[in-house]
PDB file of all heavy atoms in Angstrom:
ATOM      1  N   ALA A   1      -0.913   2.674   2.154  1.00  0.00           N
ATOM      2  CA  ALA A   1       0.332   3.050   1.482  1.00  0.00           C
ATOM      3  C   ALA A   1       0.303   2.732  -0.008  1.00  0.00           C
ATOM      4  O   ALA A   1       0.820   3.502  -0.826  1.00  0.00           O
ATOM      5  CB  ALA A   1       1.510   2.353   2.156  1.00  0.00           C
ATOM      6  N   HIS A   2      -0.296   1.598  -0.397  1.00  0.00           N
ATOM      7  CA  HIS A   2      -0.251   1.196  -1.804  1.00  0.00           C
ATOM      8  C   HIS A   2      -1.155   2.042  -2.693  1.00  0.00           C
ATOM      9  O   HIS A   2      -1.147   1.877  -3.916  1.00  0.00           O
ATOM     10  CB  HIS A   2      -0.614  -0.293  -1.947  1.00  0.00           C
ATOM     11  CG  HIS A   2      -2.039  -0.616  -1.637  1.00  0.00           C
ATOM     12  ND1 HIS A   2      -2.475  -0.920  -0.368  1.00  0.00           N
ATOM     13  CD2 HIS A   2      -3.135  -0.673  -2.430  1.00  0.00           C
ATOM     14  CE1 HIS A   2      -3.773  -1.171  -0.389  1.00  0.00           C
ATOM     15  NE2 HIS A   2      -4.194  -1.019  -1.622  1.00  0.00           N
ATOM     16  N   ARG A   3      -1.925   2.965  -2.095  1.00  0.00           N
ATOM     17  CA  ARG A   3      -2.779   3.827  -2.908  1.00  0.00           C
ATOM     18  C   ARG A   3      -2.304   5.278  -2.908  1.00  0.00           C
ATOM     19  O   ARG A   3      -3.045   6.171  -3.334  1.00  0.00           O
ATOM     20  CB  ARG A   3      -4.223   3.739  -2.404  1.00  0.00           C
ATOM     21  CG  ARG A   3      -4.855   2.356  -2.593  1.00  0.00           C
ATOM     22  CD  ARG A   3      -6.339   2.398  -2.363  1.00  0.00           C
ATOM     23  NE  ARG A   3      -6.999   3.304  -3.294  1.00  0.00           N
ATOM     24  CZ  ARG A   3      -8.244   3.759  -3.123  1.00  0.00           C
ATOM     25  NH1 ARG A   3      -8.934   3.398  -2.056  1.00  0.00           N
ATOM     26  NH2 ARG A   3      -8.780   4.575  -4.011  1.00  0.00           N
ATOM     27  N   MET A   4      -1.085   5.520  -2.482  1.00  0.00           N
ATOM     28  CA  MET A   4      -0.566   6.877  -2.494  1.00  0.00           C
ATOM     29  C   MET A   4      -0.187   7.323  -3.906  1.00  0.00           C
ATOM     30  O   MET A   4      -0.366   8.486  -4.267  1.00  0.00           O
ATOM     31  CB  MET A   4       0.633   6.996  -1.559  1.00  0.00           C
ATOM     32  CG  MET A   4       0.316   6.701  -0.097  1.00  0.00           C
ATOM     33  SD  MET A   4      -1.066   7.676   0.530  1.00  0.00           S
ATOM     34  CE  MET A   4      -0.359   9.306   0.449  1.00  0.00           C
ATOM     35  N   ALA A   5       0.347   6.413  -4.708  1.00  0.00           N
ATOM     36  CA  ALA A   5       0.783   6.794  -6.054  1.00  0.00           C
ATOM     37  C   ALA A   5      -0.372   7.294  -6.904  1.00  0.00           C
ATOM     38  O   ALA A   5      -0.203   8.219  -7.707  1.00  0.00           O
ATOM     39  CB  ALA A   5       1.469   5.608  -6.739  1.00  0.00           C
ATOM     40  N   GLU A   6      -1.551   6.722  -6.721  1.00  0.00           N
ATOM     41  CA  GLU A   6      -2.669   7.092  -7.585  1.00  0.00           C
ATOM     42  C   GLU A   6      -3.177   8.513  -7.325  1.00  0.00           C
ATOM     43  O   GLU A   6      -3.860   9.084  -8.180  1.00  0.00           O
ATOM     44  CB  GLU A   6      -3.817   6.092  -7.446  1.00  0.00           C
ATOM     45  CG  GLU A   6      -4.507   6.088  -6.113  1.00  0.00           C
ATOM     46  CD  GLU A   6      -5.532   4.960  -6.001  1.00  0.00           C
ATOM     47  OE1 GLU A   6      -5.278   3.844  -6.519  1.00  0.00           O
ATOM     48  OE2 GLU A   6      -6.586   5.209  -5.411  1.00  0.00           O
ATOM     49  N   ILE A   7      -2.852   9.094  -6.163  1.00  0.00           N
ATOM     50  CA  ILE A   7      -3.247  10.479  -5.938  1.00  0.00           C
ATOM     51  C   ILE A   7      -2.112  11.444  -6.270  1.00  0.00           C
ATOM     52  O   ILE A   7      -2.294  12.657  -6.219  1.00  0.00           O
ATOM     53  CB  ILE A   7      -3.749  10.724  -4.501  1.00  0.00           C
ATOM     54  CG1 ILE A   7      -2.643  10.489  -3.469  1.00  0.00           C
ATOM     55  CG2 ILE A   7      -4.967   9.878  -4.206  1.00  0.00           C
ATOM     56  CD1 ILE A   7      -3.024  10.926  -2.058  1.00  0.00           C
ATOM     57  N   GLY A   8      -0.939  10.896  -6.604  1.00  0.00           N
ATOM     58  CA  GLY A   8       0.137  11.764  -7.074  1.00  0.00           C
ATOM     59  C   GLY A   8       1.303  11.946  -6.120  1.00  0.00           C
ATOM     60  O   GLY A   8       2.027  12.929  -6.219  1.00  0.00           O
ATOM     61  N   ILE A   9       1.505  10.997  -5.198  1.00  0.00           N
ATOM     62  CA  ILE A   9       2.654  11.063  -4.297  1.00  0.00           C
ATOM     63  C   ILE A   9       3.595   9.905  -4.619  1.00  0.00           C
ATOM     64  O   ILE A   9       3.216   8.733  -4.520  1.00  0.00           O
ATOM     65  CB  ILE A   9       2.227  11.004  -2.816  1.00  0.00           C
ATOM     66  CG1 ILE A   9       1.336  12.210  -2.472  1.00  0.00           C
ATOM     67  CG2 ILE A   9       3.454  10.980  -1.906  1.00  0.00           C
ATOM     68  CD1 ILE A   9       0.846  12.224  -1.038  1.00  0.00           C
ATOM     69  N   GLY A  10       4.821  10.231  -5.028  1.00  0.00           N
ATOM     70  CA  GLY A  10       5.830   9.224  -5.343  1.00  0.00           C
ATOM     71  C   GLY A  10       6.980   9.304  -4.364  1.00  0.00           C
ATOM     72  O   GLY A  10       7.187  10.331  -3.705  1.00  0.00           O
ATOM     73  N   ARG A  11       7.764   8.241  -4.283  1.00  0.00           N
ATOM     74  CA  ARG A  11       8.834   8.181  -3.285  1.00  0.00           C
ATOM     75  C   ARG A  11      10.002   7.351  -3.771  1.00  0.00           C
ATOM     76  O   ARG A  11       9.839   6.349  -4.455  1.00  0.00           O
ATOM     77  CB  ARG A  11       8.278   7.582  -1.986  1.00  0.00           C
ATOM     78  CG  ARG A  11       9.363   7.344  -0.963  1.00  0.00           C
ATOM     79  CD  ARG A  11       8.895   6.821   0.352  1.00  0.00           C
ATOM     80  NE  ARG A  11      10.044   6.720   1.243  1.00  0.00           N
ATOM     81  CZ  ARG A  11       9.983   6.481   2.532  1.00  0.00           C
ATOM     82  NH1 ARG A  11       8.819   6.290   3.117  1.00  0.00           N
ATOM     83  NH2 ARG A  11      11.072   6.408   3.256  1.00  0.00           N
ATOM     84  N   THR A  12      11.206   7.782  -3.369  1.00  0.00           N
ATOM     85  CA  THR A  12      12.388   6.923  -3.458  1.00  0.00           C
ATOM     86  C   THR A  12      12.811   6.566  -2.035  1.00  0.00           C
ATOM     87  O   THR A  12      12.340   7.159  -1.071  1.00  0.00           O
ATOM     88  CB  THR A  12      13.560   7.620  -4.170  1.00  0.00           C
ATOM     89  OG1 THR A  12      14.011   8.723  -3.376  1.00  0.00           O
ATOM     90  CG2 THR A  12      13.156   8.108  -5.547  1.00  0.00           C
ATOM     91  N   PHE A  13      13.720   5.596  -1.918  1.00  0.00           N
ATOM     92  CA  PHE A  13      14.131   5.095  -0.603  1.00  0.00           C
ATOM     93  C   PHE A  13      15.635   5.220  -0.439  1.00  0.00           C
ATOM     94  O   PHE A  13      16.398   5.089  -1.400  1.00  0.00           O
ATOM     95  CB  PHE A  13      13.718   3.629  -0.431  1.00  0.00           C
ATOM     96  CG  PHE A  13      12.238   3.429  -0.364  1.00  0.00           C
ATOM     97  CD1 PHE A  13      11.487   3.320  -1.528  1.00  0.00           C
ATOM     98  CD2 PHE A  13      11.579   3.350   0.857  1.00  0.00           C
ATOM     99  CE1 PHE A  13      10.111   3.138  -1.461  1.00  0.00           C
ATOM    100  CE2 PHE A  13      10.205   3.174   0.924  1.00  0.00           C
ATOM    101  CZ  PHE A  13       9.466   3.065  -0.242  1.00  0.00           C
ATOM    102  N   GLN A  14      16.073   5.468   0.805  1.00  0.00           N
ATOM    103  CA  GLN A  14      17.501   5.531   1.097  1.00  0.00           C
ATOM    104  C   GLN A  14      18.162   4.202   0.765  1.00  0.00           C
ATOM    105  O   GLN A  14      19.209   4.152   0.122  1.00  0.00           O
ATOM    106  CB  GLN A  14      17.726   5.877   2.566  1.00  0.00           C
ATOM    107  CG  GLN A  14      19.194   5.927   2.953  1.00  0.00           C
ATOM    108  CD  GLN A  14      19.394   6.245   4.432  1.00  0.00           C
ATOM    109  OE1 GLN A  14      18.447   6.531   5.150  1.00  0.00           O
ATOM    110  NE2 GLN A  14      20.619   6.193   4.881  1.00  0.00           N
ATOM    111  N   ASN A  15      17.552   3.104   1.219  1.00  0.00           N
ATOM    112  CA  ASN A  15      18.005   1.769   0.839  1.00  0.00           C
ATOM    113  C   ASN A  15      17.215   1.354  -0.384  1.00  0.00           C
ATOM    114  O   ASN A  15      16.003   1.186  -0.320  1.00  0.00           O
ATOM    115  CB  ASN A  15      17.788   0.786   1.990  1.00  0.00           C
ATOM    116  CG  ASN A  15      18.560   1.172   3.231  1.00  0.00           C
ATOM    117  OD1 ASN A  15      19.735   1.520   3.147  1.00  0.00           O
ATOM    118  ND2 ASN A  15      17.906   1.132   4.379  1.00  0.00           N
ATOM    119  N   LEU A  16      17.912   1.203  -1.499  1.00  0.00           N
ATOM    120  CA  LEU A  16      17.243   0.985  -2.777  1.00  0.00           C
ATOM    121  C   LEU A  16      16.243  -0.157  -2.708  1.00  0.00           C
ATOM    122  O   LEU A  16      16.520  -1.224  -2.170  1.00  0.00           O
ATOM    123  CB  LEU A  16      18.286   0.694  -3.861  1.00  0.00           C
ATOM    124  CG  LEU A  16      19.239   1.845  -4.179  1.00  0.00           C
ATOM    125  CD1 LEU A  16      20.320   1.386  -5.135  1.00  0.00           C
ATOM    126  CD2 LEU A  16      18.481   3.027  -4.759  1.00  0.00           C
ATOM    127  N   ALA A  17      15.054   0.084  -3.271  1.00  0.00           N
ATOM    128  CA  ALA A  17      13.984  -0.911  -3.241  1.00  0.00           C
ATOM    129  C   ALA A  17      13.686  -1.400  -4.656  1.00  0.00           C
ATOM    130  O   ALA A  17      12.533  -1.512  -5.063  1.00  0.00           O
ATOM    131  CB  ALA A  17      12.727  -0.312  -2.602  1.00  0.00           C
ATOM    132  N   LEU A  18      14.747  -1.688  -5.400  1.00  0.00           N
ATOM    133  CA  LEU A  18      14.602  -2.152  -6.778  1.00  0.00           C
ATOM    134  C   LEU A  18      14.514  -3.679  -6.820  1.00  0.00           C
ATOM    135  O   LEU A  18      14.816  -4.360  -5.845  1.00  0.00           O
ATOM    136  CB  LEU A  18      15.792  -1.680  -7.616  1.00  0.00           C
ATOM    137  CG  LEU A  18      15.944  -0.165  -7.739  1.00  0.00           C
ATOM    138  CD1 LEU A  18      17.304   0.174  -8.353  1.00  0.00           C
ATOM    139  CD2 LEU A  18      14.820   0.434  -8.572  1.00  0.00           C
ATOM    140  N   PHE A  19      14.108  -4.196  -7.987  1.00  0.00           N
ATOM    141  CA  PHE A  19      14.085  -5.639  -8.222  1.00  0.00           C
ATOM    142  C   PHE A  19      15.386  -5.991  -8.956  1.00  0.00           C
ATOM    143  O   PHE A  19      15.493  -5.755 -10.168  1.00  0.00           O
ATOM    144  CB  PHE A  19      12.865  -6.034  -9.038  1.00  0.00           C
ATOM    145  CG  PHE A  19      11.569  -5.799  -8.312  1.00  0.00           C
ATOM    146  CD1 PHE A  19      10.886  -4.597  -8.461  1.00  0.00           C
ATOM    147  CD2 PHE A  19      11.028  -6.772  -7.478  1.00  0.00           C
ATOM    148  CE1 PHE A  19       9.692  -4.373  -7.790  1.00  0.00           C
ATOM    149  CE2 PHE A  19       9.831  -6.557  -6.800  1.00  0.00           C
ATOM    150  CZ  PHE A  19       9.170  -5.350  -6.956  1.00  0.00           C
ATOM    151  N   PRO A  20      16.377  -6.538  -8.249  1.00  0.00           N
ATOM    152  CA  PRO A  20      17.723  -6.642  -8.818  1.00  0.00           C
ATOM    153  C   PRO A  20      17.829  -7.529 -10.042  1.00  0.00           C
ATOM    154  O   PRO A  20      18.701  -7.310 -10.892  1.00  0.00           O
ATOM    155  CB  PRO A  20      18.551  -7.200  -7.652  1.00  0.00           C
ATOM    156  CG  PRO A  20      17.562  -7.829  -6.716  1.00  0.00           C
ATOM    157  CD  PRO A  20      16.312  -7.025  -6.855  1.00  0.00           C
ATOM    158  N   ASN A  21      16.964  -8.533 -10.153  1.00  0.00           N
ATOM    159  CA  ASN A  21      17.077  -9.454 -11.282  1.00  0.00           C
ATOM    160  C   ASN A  21      16.278  -9.012 -12.504  1.00  0.00           C
ATOM    161  O   ASN A  21      16.368  -9.644 -13.557  1.00  0.00           O
ATOM    162  CB  ASN A  21      16.633 -10.855 -10.863  1.00  0.00           C
ATOM    163  CG  ASN A  21      17.556 -11.451  -9.816  1.00  0.00           C
ATOM    164  OD1 ASN A  21      18.765 -11.237  -9.854  1.00  0.00           O
ATOM    165  ND2 ASN A  21      16.992 -12.173  -8.850  1.00  0.00           N
ATOM    166  N   LEU A  22      15.512  -7.937 -12.363  1.00  0.00           N
ATOM    167  CA  LEU A  22      14.778  -7.403 -13.503  1.00  0.00           C
ATOM    168  C   LEU A  22      15.604  -6.331 -14.195  1.00  0.00           C
ATOM    169  O   LEU A  22      16.508  -5.735 -13.608  1.00  0.00           O
ATOM    170  CB  LEU A  22      13.444  -6.806 -13.056  1.00  0.00           C
ATOM    171  CG  LEU A  22      12.407  -7.769 -12.471  1.00  0.00           C
ATOM    172  CD1 LEU A  22      11.123  -7.013 -12.135  1.00  0.00           C
ATOM    173  CD2 LEU A  22      12.120  -8.915 -13.434  1.00  0.00           C
ATOM    174  N   SER A  23      15.293  -6.084 -15.453  1.00  0.00           N
ATOM    175  CA  SER A  23      16.022  -5.072 -16.204  1.00  0.00           C
ATOM    176  C   SER A  23      15.686  -3.677 -15.709  1.00  0.00           C
ATOM    177  O   SER A  23      14.690  -3.461 -14.999  1.00  0.00           O
ATOM    178  CB  SER A  23      15.681  -5.176 -17.694  1.00  0.00           C
ATOM    179  OG  SER A  23      14.343  -4.747 -17.913  1.00  0.00           O
ATOM    180  N   VAL A  24      16.512  -2.733 -16.109  1.00  0.00           N
ATOM    181  CA  VAL A  24      16.238  -1.331 -15.796  1.00  0.00           C
ATOM    182  C   VAL A  24      14.873  -0.928 -16.325  1.00  0.00           C
ATOM    183  O   VAL A  24      14.064  -0.311 -15.608  1.00  0.00           O
ATOM    184  CB  VAL A  24      17.346  -0.445 -16.409  1.00  0.00           C
ATOM    185  CG1 VAL A  24      16.934   1.027 -16.405  1.00  0.00           C
ATOM    186  CG2 VAL A  24      18.656  -0.648 -15.674  1.00  0.00           C
ATOM    187  N   ARG A  25      14.578  -1.283 -17.571  1.00  0.00           N
ATOM    188  CA  ARG A  25      13.284  -0.921 -18.171  1.00  0.00           C
ATOM    189  C   ARG A  25      12.129  -1.514 -17.386  1.00  0.00           C
ATOM    190  O   ARG A  25      11.128  -0.830 -17.111  1.00  0.00           O
ATOM    191  CB  ARG A  25      13.236  -1.399 -19.627  1.00  0.00           C
ATOM    192  CG  ARG A  25      11.913  -1.050 -20.335  1.00  0.00           C
ATOM    193  CD  ARG A  25      11.884  -1.522 -21.769  1.00  0.00           C
ATOM    194  NE  ARG A  25      12.758  -0.718 -22.620  1.00  0.00           N
ATOM    195  CZ  ARG A  25      13.927  -1.113 -23.086  1.00  0.00           C
ATOM    196  NH1 ARG A  25      14.392  -2.331 -22.782  1.00  0.00           N
ATOM    197  NH2 ARG A  25      14.649  -0.334 -23.853  1.00  0.00           N
ATOM    198  N   ASP A  26      12.224  -2.772 -17.001  1.00  0.00           N
ATOM    199  CA  ASP A  26      11.124  -3.415 -16.273  1.00  0.00           C
ATOM    200  C   ASP A  26      10.931  -2.790 -14.890  1.00  0.00           C
ATOM    201  O   ASP A  26       9.793  -2.653 -14.413  1.00  0.00           O
ATOM    202  CB  ASP A  26      11.379  -4.921 -16.144  1.00  0.00           C
ATOM    203  CG  ASP A  26      11.146  -5.657 -17.453  1.00  0.00           C
ATOM    204  OD1 ASP A  26      10.519  -5.074 -18.360  1.00  0.00           O
ATOM    205  OD2 ASP A  26      11.605  -6.811 -17.574  1.00  0.00           O
ATOM    206  N   ASN A  27      12.023  -2.419 -14.231  1.00  0.00           N
ATOM    207  CA  ASN A  27      11.894  -1.751 -12.939  1.00  0.00           C
ATOM    208  C   ASN A  27      11.137  -0.438 -13.072  1.00  0.00           C
ATOM    209  O   ASN A  27      10.287  -0.108 -12.240  1.00  0.00           O
ATOM    210  CB  ASN A  27      13.274  -1.490 -12.324  1.00  0.00           C
ATOM    211  CG  ASN A  27      13.735  -2.613 -11.413  1.00  0.00           C
ATOM    212  OD1 ASN A  27      13.350  -2.682 -10.244  1.00  0.00           O
ATOM    213  ND2 ASN A  27      14.549  -3.512 -11.950  1.00  0.00           N
ATOM    214  N   ILE A  28      11.435   0.310 -14.132  1.00  0.00           N
ATOM    215  CA  ILE A  28      10.751   1.589 -14.345  1.00  0.00           C
ATOM    216  C   ILE A  28       9.289   1.344 -14.704  1.00  0.00           C
ATOM    217  O   ILE A  28       8.391   2.072 -14.252  1.00  0.00           O
ATOM    218  CB  ILE A  28      11.459   2.407 -15.429  1.00  0.00           C
ATOM    219  CG1 ILE A  28      12.914   2.665 -15.022  1.00  0.00           C
ATOM    220  CG2 ILE A  28      10.745   3.732 -15.664  1.00  0.00           C
ATOM    221  CD1 ILE A  28      13.767   3.277 -16.127  1.00  0.00           C
ATOM    222  N   MET A  29       9.028   0.303 -15.500  1.00  0.00           N
ATOM    223  CA  MET A  29       7.647  -0.042 -15.870  1.00  0.00           C
ATOM    224  C   MET A  29       6.807  -0.324 -14.628  1.00  0.00           C
ATOM    225  O   MET A  29       5.631   0.078 -14.539  1.00  0.00           O
ATOM    226  CB  MET A  29       7.633  -1.272 -16.775  1.00  0.00           C
ATOM    227  CG  MET A  29       8.137  -1.037 -18.185  1.00  0.00           C
ATOM    228  SD  MET A  29       6.968  -0.182 -19.267  1.00  0.00           S
ATOM    229  CE  MET A  29       5.761  -1.475 -19.572  1.00  0.00           C
ATOM    230  N   ILE A  30       7.389  -0.986 -13.653  1.00  0.00           N
ATOM    231  CA  ILE A  30       6.656  -1.308 -12.422  1.00  0.00           C
ATOM    232  C   ILE A  30       6.190  -0.032 -11.736  1.00  0.00           C
ATOM    233  O   ILE A  30       5.070   0.048 -11.214  1.00  0.00           O
ATOM    234  CB  ILE A  30       7.540  -2.157 -11.489  1.00  0.00           C
ATOM    235  CG1 ILE A  30       7.682  -3.567 -12.057  1.00  0.00           C
ATOM    236  CG2 ILE A  30       6.964  -2.212 -10.078  1.00  0.00           C
ATOM    237  CD1 ILE A  30       8.714  -4.424 -11.359  1.00  0.00           C
ATOM    238  N   GLY A  31       7.028   1.002 -11.749  1.00  0.00           N
ATOM    239  CA  GLY A  31       6.620   2.275 -11.174  1.00  0.00           C
ATOM    240  C   GLY A  31       5.405   2.852 -11.876  1.00  0.00           C
ATOM    241  O   GLY A  31       4.493   3.384 -11.236  1.00  0.00           O
ATOM    242  N   GLY A  32       5.371   2.737 -13.192  1.00  0.00           N
ATOM    243  CA  GLY A  32       4.230   3.247 -13.952  1.00  0.00           C
ATOM    244  C   GLY A  32       2.956   2.478 -13.695  1.00  0.00           C
ATOM    245  O   GLY A  32       1.854   3.036 -13.745  1.00  0.00           O
ATOM    246  N   HIS A  33       3.079   1.200 -13.402  1.00  0.00           N
ATOM    247  CA  HIS A  33       1.888   0.373 -13.165  1.00  0.00           C
ATOM    248  C   HIS A  33       1.157   0.767 -11.883  1.00  0.00           C
ATOM    249  O   HIS A  33      -0.008   0.411 -11.706  1.00  0.00           O
ATOM    250  CB  HIS A  33       2.265  -1.111 -13.123  1.00  0.00           C
ATOM    251  CG  HIS A  33       2.396  -1.737 -14.473  1.00  0.00           C
ATOM    252  ND1 HIS A  33       1.329  -1.857 -15.342  1.00  0.00           N
ATOM    253  CD2 HIS A  33       3.473  -2.271 -15.111  1.00  0.00           C
ATOM    254  CE1 HIS A  33       1.737  -2.442 -16.464  1.00  0.00           C
ATOM    255  NE2 HIS A  33       3.035  -2.706 -16.351  1.00  0.00           N
ATOM    256  N   THR A  34       1.818   1.496 -10.992  1.00  0.00           N
ATOM    257  CA  THR A  34       1.122   1.925  -9.777  1.00  0.00           C
ATOM    258  C   THR A  34       0.027   2.936 -10.083  1.00  0.00           C
ATOM    259  O   THR A  34      -0.856   3.160  -9.258  1.00  0.00           O
ATOM    260  CB  THR A  34       2.112   2.547  -8.770  1.00  0.00           C
ATOM    261  OG1 THR A  34       2.722   3.704  -9.351  1.00  0.00           O
ATOM    262  CG2 THR A  34       3.168   1.549  -8.354  1.00  0.00           C
ATOM    263  N   ARG A  35       0.092   3.563 -11.270  1.00  0.00           N
ATOM    264  CA  ARG A  35      -0.958   4.502 -11.676  1.00  0.00           C
ATOM    265  C   ARG A  35      -1.887   3.904 -12.721  1.00  0.00           C
ATOM    266  O   ARG A  35      -2.742   4.589 -13.259  1.00  0.00           O
ATOM    267  CB  ARG A  35      -0.335   5.774 -12.247  1.00  0.00           C
ATOM    268  CG  ARG A  35       0.364   6.647 -11.246  1.00  0.00           C
ATOM    269  CD  ARG A  35      -0.593   7.288 -10.265  1.00  0.00           C
ATOM    270  NE  ARG A  35      -1.507   8.229 -10.886  1.00  0.00           N
ATOM    271  CZ  ARG A  35      -1.270   9.533 -11.035  1.00  0.00           C
ATOM    272  NH1 ARG A  35      -0.128  10.034 -10.613  1.00  0.00           N
ATOM    273  NH2 ARG A  35      -2.144  10.328 -11.594  1.00  0.00           N
ATOM    274  N   SER A  36      -1.701   2.625 -13.060  1.00  0.00           N
ATOM    275  CA  SER A  36      -2.500   1.995 -14.100  1.00  0.00           C
ATOM    276  C   SER A  36      -3.959   1.875 -13.685  1.00  0.00           C
ATOM    277  O   SER A  36      -4.275   1.556 -12.540  1.00  0.00           O
ATOM    278  CB  SER A  36      -1.952   0.595 -14.416  1.00  0.00           C
ATOM    279  OG  SER A  36      -2.794  -0.079 -15.315  1.00  0.00           O
ATOM    280  N   ARG A  37      -4.866   2.131 -14.621  1.00  0.00           N
ATOM    281  CA  ARG A  37      -6.295   2.033 -14.340  1.00  0.00           C
ATOM    282  C   ARG A  37      -6.892   0.722 -14.837  1.00  0.00           C
ATOM    283  O   ARG A  37      -8.069   0.466 -14.666  1.00  0.00           O
ATOM    284  CB  ARG A  37      -7.020   3.206 -15.006  1.00  0.00           C
ATOM    285  CG  ARG A  37      -6.678   4.535 -14.348  1.00  0.00           C
ATOM    286  CD  ARG A  37      -7.373   5.679 -15.020  1.00  0.00           C
ATOM    287  NE  ARG A  37      -7.028   6.936 -14.381  1.00  0.00           N
ATOM    288  CZ  ARG A  37      -7.056   8.123 -14.974  1.00  0.00           C
ATOM    289  NH1 ARG A  37      -7.396   8.199 -16.246  1.00  0.00           N
ATOM    290  NH2 ARG A  37      -6.747   9.229 -14.323  1.00  0.00           N
ATOM    291  N   GLY A  38      -6.070  -0.077 -15.487  1.00  0.00           N
ATOM    292  CA  GLY A  38      -6.579  -1.334 -15.980  1.00  0.00           C
ATOM    293  C   GLY A  38      -6.849  -2.318 -14.853  1.00  0.00           C
ATOM    294  O   GLY A  38      -6.126  -2.369 -13.871  1.00  0.00           O
ATOM    295  N   GLY A  39      -7.892  -3.100 -14.970  1.00  0.00           N
ATOM    296  CA  GLY A  39      -8.204  -4.103 -13.974  1.00  0.00           C
ATOM    297  C   GLY A  39      -7.670  -5.457 -14.378  1.00  0.00           C
ATOM    298  O   GLY A  39      -7.116  -5.636 -15.462  1.00  0.00           O
ATOM    299  N   TYR A  40      -7.845  -6.440 -13.501  1.00  0.00           N
ATOM    300  CA  TYR A  40      -7.314  -7.774 -13.768  1.00  0.00           C
ATOM    301  C   TYR A  40      -7.921  -8.366 -15.037  1.00  0.00           C
ATOM    302  O   TYR A  40      -7.225  -8.922 -15.877  1.00  0.00           O
ATOM    303  CB  TYR A  40      -7.607  -8.683 -12.571  1.00  0.00           C
ATOM    304  CG  TYR A  40      -7.237 -10.123 -12.809  1.00  0.00           C
ATOM    305  CD1 TYR A  40      -5.909 -10.531 -12.725  1.00  0.00           C
ATOM    306  CD2 TYR A  40      -8.207 -11.068 -13.158  1.00  0.00           C
ATOM    307  CE1 TYR A  40      -5.558 -11.848 -12.963  1.00  0.00           C
ATOM    308  CE2 TYR A  40      -7.863 -12.380 -13.406  1.00  0.00           C
ATOM    309  CZ  TYR A  40      -6.534 -12.769 -13.304  1.00  0.00           C
ATOM    310  OH  TYR A  40      -6.198 -14.069 -13.540  1.00  0.00           O
ATOM    311  N   VAL A  41      -9.244  -8.224 -15.208  1.00  0.00           N
ATOM    312  CA  VAL A  41      -9.918  -8.824 -16.362  1.00  0.00           C
ATOM    313  C   VAL A  41      -9.445  -8.179 -17.652  1.00  0.00           C
ATOM    314  O   VAL A  41      -9.104  -8.860 -18.628  1.00  0.00           O
ATOM    315  CB  VAL A  41     -11.449  -8.705 -16.215  1.00  0.00           C
ATOM    316  CG1 VAL A  41     -12.132  -9.203 -17.487  1.00  0.00           C
ATOM    317  CG2 VAL A  41     -11.926  -9.504 -15.011  1.00  0.00           C
ATOM    318  N   SER A  42      -9.406  -6.822 -17.683  1.00  0.00           N
ATOM    319  CA  SER A  42      -9.001  -6.148 -18.914  1.00  0.00           C
ATOM    320  C   SER A  42      -7.554  -6.464 -19.265  1.00  0.00           C
ATOM    321  O   SER A  42      -7.208  -6.626 -20.441  1.00  0.00           O
ATOM    322  CB  SER A  42      -9.206  -4.641 -18.787  1.00  0.00           C
ATOM    323  OG  SER A  42      -8.403  -4.111 -17.756  1.00  0.00           O
ATOM    324  N   ASP A  43      -6.693  -6.570 -18.242  1.00  0.00           N
ATOM    325  CA  ASP A  43      -5.294  -6.899 -18.507  1.00  0.00           C
ATOM    326  C   ASP A  43      -5.152  -8.334 -19.005  1.00  0.00           C
ATOM    327  O   ASP A  43      -4.407  -8.611 -19.940  1.00  0.00           O
ATOM    328  CB  ASP A  43      -4.462  -6.723 -17.227  1.00  0.00           C
ATOM    329  CG  ASP A  43      -4.271  -5.252 -16.863  1.00  0.00           C
ATOM    330  OD1 ASP A  43      -4.556  -4.398 -17.726  1.00  0.00           O
ATOM    331  OD2 ASP A  43      -3.860  -4.986 -15.726  1.00  0.00           O
ATOM    332  N   ALA A  44      -5.881  -9.259 -18.376  1.00  0.00           N
ATOM    333  CA  ALA A  44      -5.779 -10.666 -18.748  1.00  0.00           C
ATOM    334  C   ALA A  44      -6.289 -10.907 -20.169  1.00  0.00           C
ATOM    335  O   ALA A  44      -5.729 -11.715 -20.911  1.00  0.00           O
ATOM    336  CB  ALA A  44      -6.553 -11.524 -17.755  1.00  0.00           C
ATOM    337  N   LEU A  45      -7.352 -10.204 -20.548  1.00  0.00           N
ATOM    338  CA  LEU A  45      -7.952 -10.391 -21.873  1.00  0.00           C
ATOM    339  C   LEU A  45      -7.345  -9.488 -22.933  1.00  0.00           C
ATOM    340  O   LEU A  45      -7.734  -9.563 -24.099  1.00  0.00           O
ATOM    341  CB  LEU A  45      -9.461 -10.142 -21.792  1.00  0.00           C
ATOM    342  CG  LEU A  45     -10.245 -11.102 -20.886  1.00  0.00           C
ATOM    343  CD1 LEU A  45     -11.724 -10.718 -20.863  1.00  0.00           C
ATOM    344  CD2 LEU A  45     -10.078 -12.552 -21.359  1.00  0.00           C
ATOM    345  N   ARG A  46      -6.408  -8.627 -22.491  1.00  0.00           N
ATOM    346  CA  ARG A  46      -5.773  -7.685 -23.422  1.00  0.00           C
ATOM    347  C   ARG A  46      -6.812  -6.844 -24.142  1.00  0.00           C
ATOM    348  O   ARG A  46      -6.780  -6.678 -25.373  1.00  0.00           O
ATOM    349  CB  ARG A  46      -4.881  -8.435 -24.430  1.00  0.00           C
ATOM    350  CG  ARG A  46      -3.797  -9.284 -23.800  1.00  0.00           C
ATOM    351  CD  ARG A  46      -2.731  -8.441 -23.163  1.00  0.00           C
ATOM    352  NE  ARG A  46      -1.983  -7.674 -24.154  1.00  0.00           N
ATOM    353  CZ  ARG A  46      -1.274  -6.594 -23.879  1.00  0.00           C
ATOM    354  NH1 ARG A  46      -1.243  -6.124 -22.652  1.00  0.00           N
ATOM    355  NH2 ARG A  46      -0.626  -5.959 -24.829  1.00  0.00           N
TER     356      ARG A  46
END
């Protein structure tokens, strides 16, 4: 399931699956990160 976004399938849920304590912008950013190609090392080292 966690690799569906990378082939181009996105989804919303009837019961909202948002992070309530994060901002609107950060919630949207999380969606974009599902298609990110950066790895742990490249992200950590910027």
